[in-house]
């Protein structure tokens, strides 16, 4: 079960109102073969990246239209006045991590 209280306490979020987030949504829907809209997965994605302390989200091959793994890479920005606030800014999509 996700600890949403912990997620909200740490103030982890995407840069929702940016071109970067729009590109993430476009890229996600280009490759994802899922009935669940991205809107309903956002908290889980953020929680997973935050808890794992990674800057990427992996869409596994069995959930992709082309049966390939897809990685969505983010830049993590900390707020200068509050290091509990982290913003994930979408950078790009890749097929493999190097």
C-alpha atoms as a PDB file:
ATOM      1  CA  UNK A   1       0.000   0.000   0.000  1.00  0.00           C
ATOM      2  CA  UNK A   2       1.326   3.428  -0.876  1.00  0.00           C
ATOM      3  CA  UNK A   3       2.096   5.770   1.980  1.00  0.00           C
ATOM      4  CA  UNK A   4       0.403   8.846   0.473  1.00  0.00           C
ATOM      5  CA  UNK A   5       0.735  10.728   3.759  1.00  0.00           C
ATOM      6  CA  UNK A   6       4.509  10.442   3.494  1.00  0.00           C
ATOM      7  CA  UNK A   7       4.361  11.438  -0.178  1.00  0.00           C
ATOM      8  CA  UNK A   8       2.435  14.612   0.585  1.00  0.00           C
ATOM      9  CA  UNK A   9       4.556  15.457   3.610  1.00  0.00           C
ATOM     10  CA  UNK A  10       7.675  15.449   1.468  1.00  0.00           C
ATOM     11  CA  UNK A  11       5.940  17.553  -1.201  1.00  0.00           C
ATOM     12  CA  UNK A  12       7.076  15.524  -4.180  1.00  0.00           C
ATOM     13  CA  UNK A  13       5.441  16.586  -7.421  1.00  0.00           C
ATOM     14  CA  UNK A  14       5.780  17.034 -11.164  1.00  0.00           C
ATOM     15  CA  UNK A  15       6.030  20.443 -12.805  1.00  0.00           C
ATOM     16  CA  UNK A  16       2.391  20.019 -13.857  1.00  0.00           C
ATOM     17  CA  UNK A  17       1.869  23.333 -15.655  1.00  0.00           C
ATOM     18  CA  UNK A  18       4.847  23.179 -17.989  1.00  0.00           C
ATOM     19  CA  UNK A  19       5.671  22.119 -21.523  1.00  0.00           C
ATOM     20  CA  UNK A  20       7.835  19.398 -19.995  1.00  0.00           C
ATOM     21  CA  UNK A  21       4.885  17.732 -18.318  1.00  0.00           C
ATOM     22  CA  UNK A  22       2.848  18.002 -21.511  1.00  0.00           C
ATOM     23  CA  UNK A  23       5.690  16.237 -23.364  1.00  0.00           C
ATOM     24  CA  UNK A  24       5.762  13.535 -20.683  1.00  0.00           C
ATOM     25  CA  UNK A  25       2.037  12.903 -21.104  1.00  0.00           C
ATOM     26  CA  UNK A  26       2.389  12.789 -24.896  1.00  0.00           C
ATOM     27  CA  UNK A  27       5.348  10.405 -24.732  1.00  0.00           C
ATOM     28  CA  UNK A  28       3.657   8.226 -22.123  1.00  0.00           C
ATOM     29  CA  UNK A  29       0.486   7.817 -24.181  1.00  0.00           C
ATOM     30  CA  UNK A  30       2.548   7.175 -27.316  1.00  0.00           C
ATOM     31  CA  UNK A  31       4.081   4.049 -25.737  1.00  0.00           C
ATOM     32  CA  UNK A  32       1.739   2.865 -22.957  1.00  0.00           C
ATOM     33  CA  UNK A  33      -0.776   0.136 -23.649  1.00  0.00           C
ATOM     34  CA  UNK A  34      -2.877   0.503 -20.512  1.00  0.00           C
ATOM     35  CA  UNK A  35      -6.516   1.208 -19.799  1.00  0.00           C
ATOM     36  CA  UNK A  36      -5.674   3.266 -16.712  1.00  0.00           C
ATOM     37  CA  UNK A  37      -5.233   6.981 -17.492  1.00  0.00           C
ATOM     38  CA  UNK A  38      -1.930   8.552 -16.469  1.00  0.00           C
ATOM     39  CA  UNK A  39      -3.805  10.859 -14.086  1.00  0.00           C
ATOM     40  CA  UNK A  40      -4.554   7.884 -11.841  1.00  0.00           C
ATOM     41  CA  UNK A  41      -0.927   6.703 -11.832  1.00  0.00           C
ATOM     42  CA  UNK A  42       0.812   9.992 -11.023  1.00  0.00           C
ATOM     43  CA  UNK A  43       0.997   9.468  -7.238  1.00  0.00           C
ATOM     44  CA  UNK A  44       2.307   5.928  -7.669  1.00  0.00           C
ATOM     45  CA  UNK A  45       4.975   7.061 -10.153  1.00  0.00           C
ATOM     46  CA  UNK A  46       6.110   9.896  -7.885  1.00  0.00           C
ATOM     47  CA  UNK A  47       6.112   7.653  -4.826  1.00  0.00           C
ATOM     48  CA  UNK A  48       8.175   4.984  -6.607  1.00  0.00           C
ATOM     49  CA  UNK A  49      10.771   7.459  -7.892  1.00  0.00           C
ATOM     50  CA  UNK A  50      10.964   9.216  -4.533  1.00  0.00           C
ATOM     51  CA  UNK A  51      11.296   6.065  -2.447  1.00  0.00           C
ATOM     52  CA  UNK A  52      13.840   4.529  -4.840  1.00  0.00           C
ATOM     53  CA  UNK A  53      15.705   7.823  -5.109  1.00  0.00           C
ATOM     54  CA  UNK A  54      15.885   7.566  -8.893  1.00  0.00           C
ATOM     55  CA  UNK A  55      15.160  10.171 -11.546  1.00  0.00           C
ATOM     56  CA  UNK A  56      13.375   7.904 -13.997  1.00  0.00           C
ATOM     57  CA  UNK A  57      10.168   5.960 -14.427  1.00  0.00           C
ATOM     58  CA  UNK A  58      10.200   2.647 -16.304  1.00  0.00           C
ATOM     59  CA  UNK A  59       7.245   1.485 -18.349  1.00  0.00           C
ATOM     60  CA  UNK A  60       7.815  -2.281 -18.563  1.00  0.00           C
ATOM     61  CA  UNK A  61       7.665  -4.038 -21.905  1.00  0.00           C
ATOM     62  CA  UNK A  62       4.483  -5.956 -21.059  1.00  0.00           C
ATOM     63  CA  UNK A  63       2.635  -2.633 -20.603  1.00  0.00           C
ATOM     64  CA  UNK A  64       4.013  -1.053 -23.795  1.00  0.00           C
ATOM     65  CA  UNK A  65       2.463  -1.003 -27.248  1.00  0.00           C
ATOM     66  CA  UNK A  66       5.716  -2.171 -28.856  1.00  0.00           C
ATOM     67  CA  UNK A  67       6.700  -4.721 -26.147  1.00  0.00           C
ATOM     68  CA  UNK A  68       9.862  -2.782 -25.272  1.00  0.00           C
ATOM     69  CA  UNK A  69      10.937  -1.224 -21.994  1.00  0.00           C
ATOM     70  CA  UNK A  70      10.597   2.557 -21.938  1.00  0.00           C
ATOM     71  CA  UNK A  71      12.331   4.924 -19.532  1.00  0.00           C
ATOM     72  CA  UNK A  72      11.106   8.437 -18.834  1.00  0.00           C
ATOM     73  CA  UNK A  73      13.944  10.567 -17.454  1.00  0.00           C
ATOM     74  CA  UNK A  74      13.398  13.485 -15.089  1.00  0.00           C
ATOM     75  CA  UNK A  75      15.518  16.214 -13.545  1.00  0.00           C
ATOM     76  CA  UNK A  76      14.921  16.542  -9.812  1.00  0.00           C
ATOM     77  CA  UNK A  77      14.892  20.092  -8.522  1.00  0.00           C
ATOM     78  CA  UNK A  78      14.994  20.893  -4.820  1.00  0.00           C
ATOM     79  CA  UNK A  79      13.504  24.107  -3.537  1.00  0.00           C
ATOM     80  CA  UNK A  80      16.346  26.302  -2.216  1.00  0.00           C
ATOM     81  CA  UNK A  81      14.430  27.323   0.894  1.00  0.00           C
ATOM     82  CA  UNK A  82      12.909  23.888   1.625  1.00  0.00           C
ATOM     83  CA  UNK A  83      14.753  20.687   0.731  1.00  0.00           C
ATOM     84  CA  UNK A  84      11.632  18.652   1.514  1.00  0.00           C
ATOM     85  CA  UNK A  85      10.039  19.961  -1.692  1.00  0.00           C
ATOM     86  CA  UNK A  86      11.160  18.114  -4.825  1.00  0.00           C
ATOM     87  CA  UNK A  87       9.941  18.802  -8.339  1.00  0.00           C
ATOM     88  CA  UNK A  88      10.374  16.237 -11.112  1.00  0.00           C
ATOM     89  CA  UNK A  89      10.879  17.949 -14.459  1.00  0.00           C
ATOM     90  CA  UNK A  90      10.585  15.708 -17.531  1.00  0.00           C
ATOM     91  CA  UNK A  91      13.698  15.601 -19.706  1.00  0.00           C
ATOM     92  CA  UNK A  92      13.305  12.810 -22.271  1.00  0.00           C
ATOM     93  CA  UNK A  93      12.308   9.272 -23.155  1.00  0.00           C
ATOM     94  CA  UNK A  94      14.845   6.505 -23.849  1.00  0.00           C
ATOM     95  CA  UNK A  95      14.655   2.783 -24.568  1.00  0.00           C
ATOM     96  CA  UNK A  96      17.556   1.816 -22.280  1.00  0.00           C
ATOM     97  CA  UNK A  97      19.483   3.318 -19.406  1.00  0.00           C
ATOM     98  CA  UNK A  98      23.223   3.580 -19.870  1.00  0.00           C
END
